[in-house]
Amino acid sequence: MARLSRALLALLATTAAVLALGVGTASAHVSVSATDAAQGGFAEITFNVPTESPTASATSLSVQLPTDTPIATVSIKPVPGWTAATTTTPLNPPVTDDDGNTVTQAVSQITWTADPGAGIKPGQYQTFSISAGPLPKKESLVLPAIQGYDDGTQVAWVDPTVKGQAEPEHPAPTLTLASSAEASSAGSESTTASADSGPSGVAVAALVIAIVGLVTGLIALALVPRSRRRHGGA
């Protein structure tokens, strides 16, 4: 019986350790990402919006776009149950887009508002995407955001992240922009990078099954009476 208990403990500990390889710590921050964001290019930019409140639902998200380096073209991907509105700012001086057209104003803010009952409930998240460009020719794009809840509270994700310092409590969503050369290199290596990014769900599951099978065999061996094993050996 003692051997059985030790085997069961080993099974539980090993399985937990393996599963931990594929499970990261979830962040409740509003964050931004894009797979093809390069300086001077166009990209689909996605905001990941979870809820931090254990009781209230998130019902609005306002994102500020830069006005010092305005983005001439912005289009918004529809989200069922949410309405999007934009605020525009005059450009002085105007800019010329890729088609040679003169652009005199640009989107400076986007606000998504949930329809009744469509808010992001506690423990859930929603994504909001835009297609934007040309992106500024700088290393990163800071996109401050205000998250509103149905209890009237707001969370301002506007604190700057300073390299070499601890992350602030409410960091502004920040998107890293690759240079043109980096974007070309990343495109050719994306398949390899994806394969090497970490243990896949299939690999983790296969490893867990192998471990369970091994420990199950040990348990079965421990349950066989010693007298029977001696008789079989004779």
Protein backbone atom coordinates (compact mmCIF):
# COMPACT_ATOMS: atom_id res chain seq x y z
CA MET A 1 0.00 0.00 0.00
CA ALA A 2 2.85 2.37 0.75
CA ARG A 3 4.31 1.70 -2.68
CA LEU A 4 0.90 2.41 -4.24
CA SER A 5 0.63 5.74 -2.42
CA ARG A 6 4.09 6.78 -3.52
CA ALA A 7 3.28 5.87 -7.12
CA LEU A 8 0.06 7.88 -7.08
CA LEU A 9 1.86 10.90 -5.65
CA ALA A 10 4.51 10.59 -8.35
CA LEU A 11 1.79 10.46 -11.00
CA LEU A 12 0.08 13.60 -9.72
CA ALA A 13 3.31 15.57 -9.32
CA THR A 14 4.70 14.62 -12.71
CA THR A 15 1.45 15.31 -14.57
CA ALA A 16 1.13 18.71 -12.93
CA ALA A 17 4.68 19.62 -13.87
CA VAL A 18 4.18 18.60 -17.49
CA LEU A 19 0.91 20.47 -17.83
CA ALA A 20 2.61 23.57 -16.43
CA LEU A 21 4.83 23.64 -19.51
CA GLY A 22 1.89 24.54 -21.70
CA VAL A 23 0.02 26.86 -19.34
CA GLY A 24 1.31 30.39 -18.82
CA THR A 25 0.22 32.96 -16.31
CA ALA A 26 -2.77 34.82 -17.71
CA SER A 27 -2.53 38.56 -17.85
CA ALA A 28 -5.58 40.70 -17.22
CA HIS A 29 -4.01 43.71 -18.95
CA VAL A 30 -5.44 45.19 -22.13
CA SER A 31 -2.79 44.30 -24.71
CA VAL A 32 -2.17 44.77 -28.42
CA SER A 33 -0.62 42.49 -31.03
CA ALA A 34 -0.08 42.16 -34.77
CA THR A 35 1.68 39.50 -36.81
CA ASP A 36 2.85 41.79 -39.60
CA ALA A 37 3.37 45.23 -38.06
CA ALA A 38 6.25 46.98 -39.83
CA GLN A 39 7.31 50.59 -40.03
CA GLY A 40 5.63 52.28 -42.97
CA GLY A 41 3.43 49.27 -43.69
CA PHE A 42 -0.16 48.17 -43.12
CA ALA A 43 -1.20 45.63 -40.47
CA GLU A 44 -4.15 44.08 -38.73
CA ILE A 45 -3.85 45.29 -35.14
CA THR A 46 -5.75 43.39 -32.46
CA PHE A 47 -6.57 44.50 -28.94
CA ASN A 48 -7.07 41.72 -26.40
CA VAL A 49 -9.46 42.90 -23.70
CA PRO A 50 -10.08 40.75 -20.60
CA THR A 51 -11.99 41.77 -17.48
CA GLU A 52 -10.23 42.44 -14.17
CA SER A 53 -13.41 42.89 -12.15
CA PRO A 54 -14.83 39.77 -10.47
CA THR A 55 -18.36 41.22 -10.56
CA ALA A 56 -18.71 43.82 -13.35
CA SER A 57 -18.76 43.40 -17.13
CA ALA A 58 -16.59 45.50 -19.45
CA THR A 59 -18.87 47.48 -21.75
CA SER A 60 -16.57 49.93 -23.54
CA LEU A 61 -13.06 50.36 -24.87
CA SER A 62 -11.59 53.63 -26.14
CA VAL A 63 -8.22 53.53 -27.91
CA GLN A 64 -6.16 56.60 -28.75
CA LEU A 65 -4.21 56.68 -32.01
CA PRO A 66 -1.18 58.95 -32.37
CA THR A 67 -1.68 62.46 -33.71
CA ASP A 68 2.00 63.41 -33.93
CA THR A 69 2.54 60.55 -36.42
CA PRO A 70 -1.03 60.09 -37.73
CA ILE A 71 -2.21 56.91 -39.41
CA ALA A 72 -3.89 57.91 -42.66
CA THR A 73 -6.03 54.81 -43.20
CA VAL A 74 -7.96 53.01 -40.46
CA SER A 75 -10.75 50.48 -40.93
CA ILE A 76 -12.54 48.63 -38.14
CA LYS A 77 -13.45 44.96 -38.03
CA PRO A 78 -17.07 44.45 -36.88
CA VAL A 79 -17.63 42.75 -33.53
CA PRO A 80 -21.08 41.20 -32.98
CA GLY A 81 -22.90 42.96 -30.16
CA TRP A 82 -20.60 46.00 -30.21
CA THR A 83 -20.77 49.37 -31.97
CA ALA A 84 -17.65 51.24 -33.04
CA ALA A 85 -17.33 55.02 -33.37
CA THR A 86 -14.34 57.09 -34.47
CA THR A 87 -13.06 60.56 -33.69
CA THR A 88 -11.03 62.35 -36.37
CA THR A 89 -8.43 65.08 -36.08
CA PRO A 90 -7.35 67.54 -38.82
CA LEU A 91 -3.84 66.97 -40.15
CA ASN A 92 -1.56 69.96 -40.40
CA PRO A 93 0.15 69.53 -42.73
CA PRO A 94 -1.92 67.04 -44.76
CA VAL A 95 -0.31 63.76 -45.82
CA THR A 96 -0.39 61.82 -49.08
CA ASP A 97 -1.49 58.17 -49.04
CA ASP A 98 -0.13 55.34 -51.20
CA ASP A 99 -2.64 56.13 -53.96
CA GLY A 100 -1.49 59.73 -54.21
CA ASN A 101 -4.56 61.13 -52.47
CA THR A 102 -4.23 64.03 -50.05
CA VAL A 103 -5.45 63.14 -46.55
CA THR A 104 -6.53 66.11 -44.45
CA GLN A 105 -7.76 64.27 -41.35
CA ALA A 106 -7.05 61.01 -39.56
CA VAL A 107 -8.66 58.85 -36.91
CA SER A 108 -7.39 59.84 -33.47
CA GLN A 109 -9.67 57.68 -31.31
CA ILE A 110 -11.81 54.56 -31.66
CA THR A 111 -14.49 53.67 -29.12
CA TRP A 112 -16.23 50.31 -28.98
CA THR A 113 -19.47 50.17 -26.95
CA ALA A 114 -21.33 47.00 -26.05
CA ASP A 115 -25.00 46.54 -26.82
CA PRO A 116 -27.19 45.76 -23.77
CA GLY A 117 -26.21 42.37 -22.40
CA ALA A 118 -23.20 42.00 -24.72
CA GLY A 119 -20.49 43.17 -22.31
CA ILE A 120 -17.40 41.15 -21.47
CA LYS A 121 -18.39 39.21 -18.38
CA PRO A 122 -16.02 38.37 -15.50
CA GLY A 123 -13.59 35.66 -16.49
CA GLN A 124 -14.07 36.35 -20.21
CA TYR A 125 -12.28 38.38 -22.87
CA GLN A 126 -12.97 39.92 -26.27
CA THR A 127 -10.77 40.99 -29.18
CA PHE A 128 -11.12 44.13 -31.27
CA SER A 129 -9.24 44.50 -34.54
CA ILE A 130 -8.43 47.30 -36.96
CA SER A 131 -6.58 47.46 -40.24
CA ALA A 132 -4.25 50.46 -40.20
CA GLY A 133 -1.43 52.08 -42.13
CA PRO A 134 0.95 53.36 -43.09
CA LEU A 135 2.30 52.77 -39.60
CA PRO A 136 4.75 55.29 -38.11
CA LYS A 137 8.42 54.81 -38.90
CA LYS A 138 9.42 54.31 -35.28
CA GLU A 139 10.32 51.34 -33.10
CA SER A 140 7.00 51.12 -31.27
CA LEU A 141 3.43 52.37 -31.39
CA VAL A 142 1.86 53.33 -28.04
CA LEU A 143 -1.94 53.06 -28.02
CA PRO A 144 -3.40 54.24 -24.67
CA ALA A 145 -6.78 52.72 -23.83
CA ILE A 146 -9.66 53.36 -21.42
CA GLN A 147 -11.72 50.35 -20.36
CA GLY A 148 -15.21 50.98 -18.98
CA TYR A 149 -17.40 48.71 -16.83
CA ASP A 150 -21.15 48.50 -16.33
CA ASP A 151 -20.79 49.55 -12.67
CA GLY A 152 -19.46 52.96 -13.79
CA THR A 153 -15.79 52.31 -13.07
CA GLN A 154 -13.01 52.84 -15.59
CA VAL A 155 -9.46 51.58 -15.90
CA ALA A 156 -6.98 53.79 -17.76
CA TRP A 157 -4.32 51.74 -19.52
CA VAL A 158 -2.08 54.74 -20.17
CA ASP A 159 1.11 54.32 -18.13
CA PRO A 160 4.29 54.28 -20.24
CA THR A 161 6.54 51.24 -20.08
CA VAL A 162 10.18 52.23 -19.57
CA LYS A 163 12.87 49.82 -20.70
CA GLY A 164 14.87 48.50 -17.77
CA GLN A 165 12.18 49.36 -15.22
CA ALA A 166 9.38 47.30 -13.72
CA GLU A 167 6.13 47.18 -15.64
CA PRO A 168 3.66 49.83 -14.41
CA GLU A 169 0.36 48.84 -12.86
CA HIS A 170 -1.66 49.94 -15.89
CA PRO A 171 0.68 49.84 -18.91
CA ALA A 172 -0.47 51.41 -22.17
CA PRO A 173 -0.81 48.81 -24.94
CA THR A 174 2.40 49.03 -26.98
CA LEU A 175 3.03 47.47 -30.37
CA THR A 176 6.59 46.83 -31.54
CA LEU A 177 7.13 47.82 -35.17
CA ALA A 178 9.69 45.96 -37.23
CA SER A 179 11.88 47.73 -39.73
CA SER A 180 11.39 46.81 -43.40
CA ALA A 181 14.45 44.53 -43.31
CA GLU A 182 13.28 42.84 -40.11
CA ALA A 183 9.80 42.32 -41.55
CA SER A 184 11.20 40.57 -44.62
CA SER A 185 13.40 38.34 -42.48
CA ALA A 186 10.56 37.53 -40.12
CA GLY A 187 8.32 36.50 -42.99
CA SER A 188 10.81 33.91 -44.23
CA GLU A 189 11.40 32.50 -40.75
CA SER A 190 7.84 32.59 -39.36
CA THR A 191 7.21 28.86 -39.92
CA THR A 192 10.37 27.84 -38.06
CA ALA A 193 9.67 30.31 -35.26
CA SER A 194 6.17 28.91 -34.78
CA ALA A 195 7.47 25.38 -34.58
CA ASP A 196 10.08 26.32 -31.98
CA SER A 197 7.95 28.67 -29.88
CA GLY A 198 7.14 26.10 -27.22
CA PRO A 199 5.47 22.76 -26.52
CA SER A 200 2.32 22.29 -28.55
CA GLY A 201 -0.88 20.95 -27.07
CA VAL A 202 -0.46 17.68 -28.98
CA ALA A 203 3.10 17.20 -27.72
CA VAL A 204 2.12 17.94 -24.13
CA ALA A 205 -0.85 15.57 -24.32
CA ALA A 206 1.31 12.77 -25.77
CA LEU A 207 3.90 13.24 -23.04
CA VAL A 208 1.23 13.15 -20.34
CA ILE A 209 -0.25 9.95 -21.78
CA ALA A 210 3.19 8.34 -21.85
CA ILE A 211 3.83 9.29 -18.24
CA VAL A 212 0.42 8.04 -17.14
CA GLY A 213 1.04 4.73 -18.90
CA LEU A 214 4.42 4.33 -17.24
CA VAL A 215 3.15 5.12 -13.76
CA THR A 216 0.07 2.91 -14.28
CA GLY A 217 2.39 0.02 -15.06
CA LEU A 218 4.36 0.67 -11.89
CA ILE A 219 1.14 0.74 -9.88
CA ALA A 220 0.01 -2.57 -11.38
CA LEU A 221 3.36 -4.10 -10.53
CA ALA A 222 3.09 -2.83 -6.96
CA LEU A 223 -0.35 -4.46 -6.57
CA VAL A 224 0.84 -7.94 -7.58
CA PRO A 225 1.35 -10.02 -4.39
CA ARG A 226 5.00 -10.69 -3.66
CA SER A 227 4.31 -14.42 -3.21
CA ARG A 228 2.86 -14.57 -6.72
CA ARG A 229 5.91 -12.83 -8.16
CA ARG A 230 8.22 -15.25 -6.35
CA HIS A 231 6.20 -18.21 -7.64
CA GLY A 232 6.34 -16.88 -11.18
CA GLY A 233 10.11 -16.38 -10.90
CA ALA A 234 10.57 -19.96 -9.73
